[in-house]
Amino acid sequence: MDDEDDSRARDVAPEHRWPAVIATLVALACYALLPSVVPALERYLVVGVCLLMLVALIIYNPHRLSRESRWSRWAEFALALLILVVNQVAFVETIVRLLNRHGDGADILLASLQVWVTNVIAFALVFWTMDRGGPVVRVTRPRHEIPLADFRFPQDEDQDTVEEVARGSSRRLDWVPNYVDYFYSSLSNSMAFSATDAMPLTHRAKLLMALESFSGFVLLALVIARAVSLIG
């Protein structure tokens, strides 16, 4: 969309900005403090760029995500994608260190935890920004104008269940997912190595969830192996 949009074609309230902001800050802190061969200056530069983008987005939508312009839409997605990409670089570096047993064992295990936490947050941010047109479109456009869903949540099919469950369904309550829903799906996918809450529907959603599951599995397997070797 070219111009900012304050239209309210739906009854559902716009999403709060701060859950995604807090998660983003946690991810950036983990990345900035990560023991890494990447020079600290370069990592701080990435964090600085992300913080500038985040501040601009907060100024545009301080409390609730009620409007969107072309630049804010791309900035939201670029921020999530940048965090994801730089963390994948950190993931590869951590895997190499685990395989080669370089560095102090405690530092490597801590780095693995930081990479894993950042991965959960980053994938959740990407899911959140891409699904059904993003957080603003999900609550401002009529449902027949919302882009096709990348994920199917339990609330999307609960309308025919018992009354106390059906009242919270997408059809009855006009429910749409927010960042917390995507964070939980990302967390469960990283821990179970499969979709346990939201089901991926599109190829891009399936590929992203597959990448997250694979990276989580590899990291956990190597961390366990390294921990056993340290105990031994």
Protein backbone atom coordinates (compact mmCIF):
# COMPACT_ATOMS: atom_id res chain seq x y z
CA MET A 1 0.00 0.00 0.00
CA ASP A 2 1.28 3.44 -0.90
CA ASP A 3 -0.41 5.57 1.72
CA GLU A 4 -0.83 5.00 5.41
CA ASP A 5 -4.11 3.37 6.32
CA ASP A 6 -6.22 3.94 9.41
CA SER A 7 -9.30 2.15 8.08
CA ARG A 8 -11.19 -0.06 10.50
CA ALA A 9 -13.20 -2.57 8.51
CA ARG A 10 -13.07 -5.06 11.39
CA ASP A 11 -14.11 -5.15 15.04
CA VAL A 12 -10.93 -6.84 16.28
CA ALA A 13 -8.58 -4.50 18.16
CA PRO A 14 -5.18 -3.68 16.64
CA GLU A 15 -2.31 -5.64 18.11
CA HIS A 16 -0.09 -4.21 20.84
CA ARG A 17 3.35 -3.21 19.58
CA TRP A 18 5.34 -4.12 22.70
CA PRO A 19 5.46 -7.94 22.73
CA ALA A 20 7.28 -7.89 19.39
CA VAL A 21 9.48 -4.99 20.53
CA ILE A 22 10.55 -6.77 23.72
CA ALA A 23 11.29 -9.97 21.79
CA THR A 24 13.33 -8.01 19.25
CA LEU A 25 15.39 -6.36 22.00
CA VAL A 26 16.08 -9.73 23.62
CA ALA A 27 17.24 -11.15 20.27
CA LEU A 28 19.51 -8.17 19.62
CA ALA A 29 20.99 -8.41 23.12
CA CYS A 30 21.73 -12.12 22.61
CA TYR A 31 23.40 -11.39 19.29
CA ALA A 32 25.44 -8.46 20.63
CA LEU A 33 26.75 -10.48 23.60
CA LEU A 34 27.39 -13.65 21.57
CA PRO A 35 30.97 -15.01 21.80
CA SER A 36 31.91 -14.89 18.13
CA VAL A 37 34.74 -14.64 15.65
CA VAL A 38 32.75 -11.86 13.99
CA PRO A 39 34.36 -8.62 15.22
CA ALA A 40 32.38 -6.86 17.92
CA LEU A 41 32.29 -3.67 15.83
CA GLU A 42 30.49 -5.44 13.00
CA ARG A 43 28.01 -7.06 15.37
CA TYR A 44 27.33 -3.75 17.08
CA LEU A 45 26.83 -2.16 13.66
CA VAL A 46 24.14 -4.73 12.84
CA VAL A 47 22.50 -4.16 16.21
CA GLY A 48 22.64 -0.38 15.67
CA VAL A 49 20.94 -0.62 12.28
CA CYS A 50 18.24 -2.87 13.74
CA LEU A 51 17.67 -0.46 16.64
CA LEU A 52 17.30 2.50 14.25
CA MET A 53 14.71 0.58 12.24
CA LEU A 54 12.92 -0.46 15.42
CA VAL A 55 12.80 3.11 16.76
CA ALA A 56 11.37 4.37 13.47
CA LEU A 57 8.66 1.69 13.57
CA ILE A 58 7.83 2.47 17.20
CA ILE A 59 7.47 6.18 16.41
CA TYR A 60 5.15 5.31 13.52
CA ASN A 61 3.01 2.93 15.65
CA PRO A 62 3.85 3.68 19.30
CA HIS A 63 1.32 1.44 21.08
CA ARG A 64 -0.92 -0.45 18.68
CA LEU A 65 -0.32 -1.57 15.09
CA SER A 66 -3.19 0.40 13.59
CA ARG A 67 -1.67 1.88 10.41
CA GLU A 68 0.79 0.91 7.72
CA SER A 69 2.63 2.45 4.78
CA ARG A 70 4.84 0.90 2.14
CA TRP A 71 8.03 1.84 3.99
CA SER A 72 6.79 0.60 7.37
CA ARG A 73 5.71 -2.72 5.87
CA TRP A 74 9.10 -3.29 4.25
CA ALA A 75 10.99 -2.05 7.32
CA GLU A 76 9.10 -4.47 9.57
CA PHE A 77 9.90 -7.39 7.31
CA ALA A 78 13.51 -6.29 6.67
CA LEU A 79 14.14 -6.03 10.42
CA ALA A 80 12.88 -9.56 11.05
CA LEU A 81 14.78 -10.96 8.08
CA LEU A 82 18.04 -9.22 9.05
CA ILE A 83 17.92 -10.68 12.57
CA LEU A 84 17.20 -14.11 11.11
CA VAL A 85 20.04 -13.96 8.56
CA VAL A 86 22.74 -12.75 10.95
CA ASN A 87 21.68 -15.39 13.45
CA GLN A 88 22.02 -18.10 10.80
CA VAL A 89 25.61 -16.95 10.32
CA ALA A 90 26.11 -17.22 14.09
CA PHE A 91 24.45 -20.65 13.98
CA VAL A 92 26.93 -21.93 11.37
CA GLU A 93 29.85 -20.52 13.36
CA THR A 94 28.60 -22.19 16.54
CA ILE A 95 28.21 -25.53 14.74
CA VAL A 96 31.79 -25.30 13.48
CA ARG A 97 33.06 -24.54 16.99
CA LEU A 98 31.08 -27.44 18.45
CA LEU A 99 32.42 -29.86 15.84
CA ASN A 100 36.02 -28.70 16.16
CA ARG A 101 35.86 -28.26 19.94
CA HIS A 102 37.36 -24.78 19.69
CA GLY A 103 37.23 -22.50 22.69
CA ASP A 104 36.04 -22.90 26.25
CA GLY A 105 33.24 -25.44 26.64
CA ALA A 106 31.09 -23.23 28.86
CA ASP A 107 31.34 -20.33 26.40
CA ILE A 108 30.32 -22.53 23.49
CA LEU A 109 27.34 -23.93 25.37
CA LEU A 110 26.26 -20.40 26.31
CA ALA A 111 26.66 -19.29 22.69
CA SER A 112 24.50 -22.23 21.59
CA LEU A 113 21.76 -21.14 23.97
CA GLN A 114 21.96 -17.55 22.71
CA VAL A 115 21.75 -18.69 19.08
CA TRP A 116 18.79 -20.97 19.86
CA VAL A 117 16.84 -18.25 21.70
CA THR A 118 17.51 -15.73 18.94
CA ASN A 119 16.42 -18.30 16.36
CA VAL A 120 13.07 -18.80 18.08
CA ILE A 121 12.45 -15.04 18.23
CA ALA A 122 13.67 -14.34 14.69
CA PHE A 123 11.54 -17.03 13.06
CA ALA A 124 8.53 -15.84 15.06
CA LEU A 125 9.11 -12.29 13.77
CA VAL A 126 9.30 -13.51 10.18
CA PHE A 127 6.13 -15.60 10.58
CA TRP A 128 4.39 -12.63 12.21
CA THR A 129 5.27 -10.18 9.46
CA MET A 130 4.49 -12.44 6.48
CA ASP A 131 1.33 -14.34 7.47
CA ARG A 132 -1.94 -12.98 6.02
CA GLY A 133 -0.33 -9.70 4.96
CA GLY A 134 1.17 -8.80 8.33
CA PRO A 135 -0.16 -7.54 11.68
CA VAL A 136 -1.87 -4.42 10.32
CA VAL A 137 -3.63 -6.04 7.37
CA ARG A 138 -4.88 -8.87 9.59
CA VAL A 139 -6.99 -6.45 11.64
CA THR A 140 -7.86 -3.66 9.19
CA ARG A 141 -8.98 -5.48 6.04
CA PRO A 142 -12.18 -7.50 5.60
CA ARG A 143 -11.40 -11.20 5.71
CA HIS A 144 -12.15 -11.70 2.03
CA GLU A 145 -9.44 -9.10 1.22
CA ILE A 146 -6.74 -10.58 3.47
CA PRO A 147 -3.99 -12.49 1.59
CA LEU A 148 -4.03 -16.28 1.83
CA ALA A 149 -2.93 -17.59 5.21
CA ASP A 150 0.52 -19.13 5.62
CA PHE A 151 -0.53 -20.82 8.89
CA ARG A 152 -3.71 -22.41 10.23
CA PHE A 153 -4.24 -21.95 13.96
CA PRO A 154 -6.61 -24.00 16.18
CA GLN A 155 -8.93 -20.96 16.50
CA ASP A 156 -9.45 -21.04 12.73
CA GLU A 157 -11.43 -24.27 13.00
CA ASP A 158 -12.98 -24.18 16.49
CA GLN A 159 -16.36 -22.71 15.51
CA ASP A 160 -18.13 -26.11 15.62
CA THR A 161 -16.84 -27.22 19.02
CA VAL A 162 -18.41 -26.72 22.47
CA GLU A 163 -19.74 -23.24 23.16
CA GLU A 164 -17.01 -22.05 25.53
CA VAL A 165 -14.38 -22.94 22.93
CA ALA A 166 -16.35 -21.81 19.87
CA ARG A 167 -16.82 -18.32 21.33
CA GLY A 168 -13.08 -17.72 20.90
CA SER A 169 -12.89 -18.97 17.31
CA SER A 170 -11.88 -16.87 14.32
CA ARG A 171 -15.39 -16.97 12.90
CA ARG A 172 -17.26 -16.10 16.11
CA LEU A 173 -14.83 -13.66 17.76
CA ASP A 174 -13.13 -12.37 14.58
CA TRP A 175 -9.90 -13.70 16.09
CA VAL A 176 -6.53 -13.24 14.38
CA PRO A 177 -3.08 -14.37 15.57
CA ASN A 178 -0.66 -11.91 17.16
CA TYR A 179 3.06 -12.08 17.93
CA VAL A 180 2.60 -14.25 21.03
CA ASP A 181 0.84 -16.89 18.91
CA TYR A 182 3.68 -16.95 16.38
CA PHE A 183 6.28 -17.00 19.17
CA TYR A 184 4.64 -20.05 20.74
CA SER A 185 4.49 -21.81 17.37
CA SER A 186 8.15 -21.00 16.74
CA LEU A 187 9.13 -22.18 20.22
CA SER A 188 7.24 -25.47 19.94
CA ASN A 189 8.64 -26.06 16.45
CA SER A 190 12.20 -25.56 17.77
CA MET A 191 11.62 -27.93 20.69
CA ALA A 192 9.56 -30.66 19.01
CA PHE A 193 11.16 -30.31 15.55
CA SER A 194 7.69 -30.30 14.00
CA ALA A 195 4.59 -28.13 13.85
CA THR A 196 2.55 -28.68 17.02
CA ASP A 197 0.31 -25.59 17.15
CA ALA A 198 -0.02 -23.71 13.87
CA MET A 199 0.06 -25.83 10.73
CA PRO A 200 2.04 -24.44 7.75
CA LEU A 201 -0.05 -24.11 4.61
CA THR A 202 2.21 -22.51 1.99
CA HIS A 203 5.53 -23.63 0.58
CA ARG A 204 7.38 -20.68 2.13
CA ALA A 205 5.92 -21.41 5.55
CA LYS A 206 6.84 -25.09 5.30
CA LEU A 207 10.38 -24.31 4.17
CA LEU A 208 10.92 -21.81 6.97
CA MET A 209 9.58 -24.21 9.59
CA ALA A 210 11.73 -26.99 8.14
CA LEU A 211 14.82 -24.77 8.40
CA GLU A 212 13.98 -23.89 11.99
CA SER A 213 13.37 -27.52 12.94
CA PHE A 214 16.58 -28.64 11.26
CA SER A 215 18.74 -25.98 12.90
CA GLY A 216 17.20 -26.67 16.31
CA PHE A 217 17.77 -30.40 15.97
CA VAL A 218 21.39 -30.05 14.81
CA LEU A 219 22.20 -27.55 17.54
CA LEU A 220 20.64 -29.65 20.29
CA ALA A 221 22.33 -32.86 19.10
CA LEU A 222 25.77 -31.26 19.01
CA VAL A 223 25.26 -29.47 22.34
CA ILE A 224 24.34 -32.78 24.00
CA ALA A 225 27.38 -34.44 22.44
CA ARG A 226 29.65 -31.62 23.64
CA ALA A 227 28.13 -31.71 27.12
CA VAL A 228 28.73 -35.46 27.35
CA SER A 229 32.33 -34.99 26.27
CA LEU A 230 32.84 -32.29 28.91
CA ILE A 231 31.41 -34.56 31.60
CA GLY A 232 33.64 -37.38 30.42
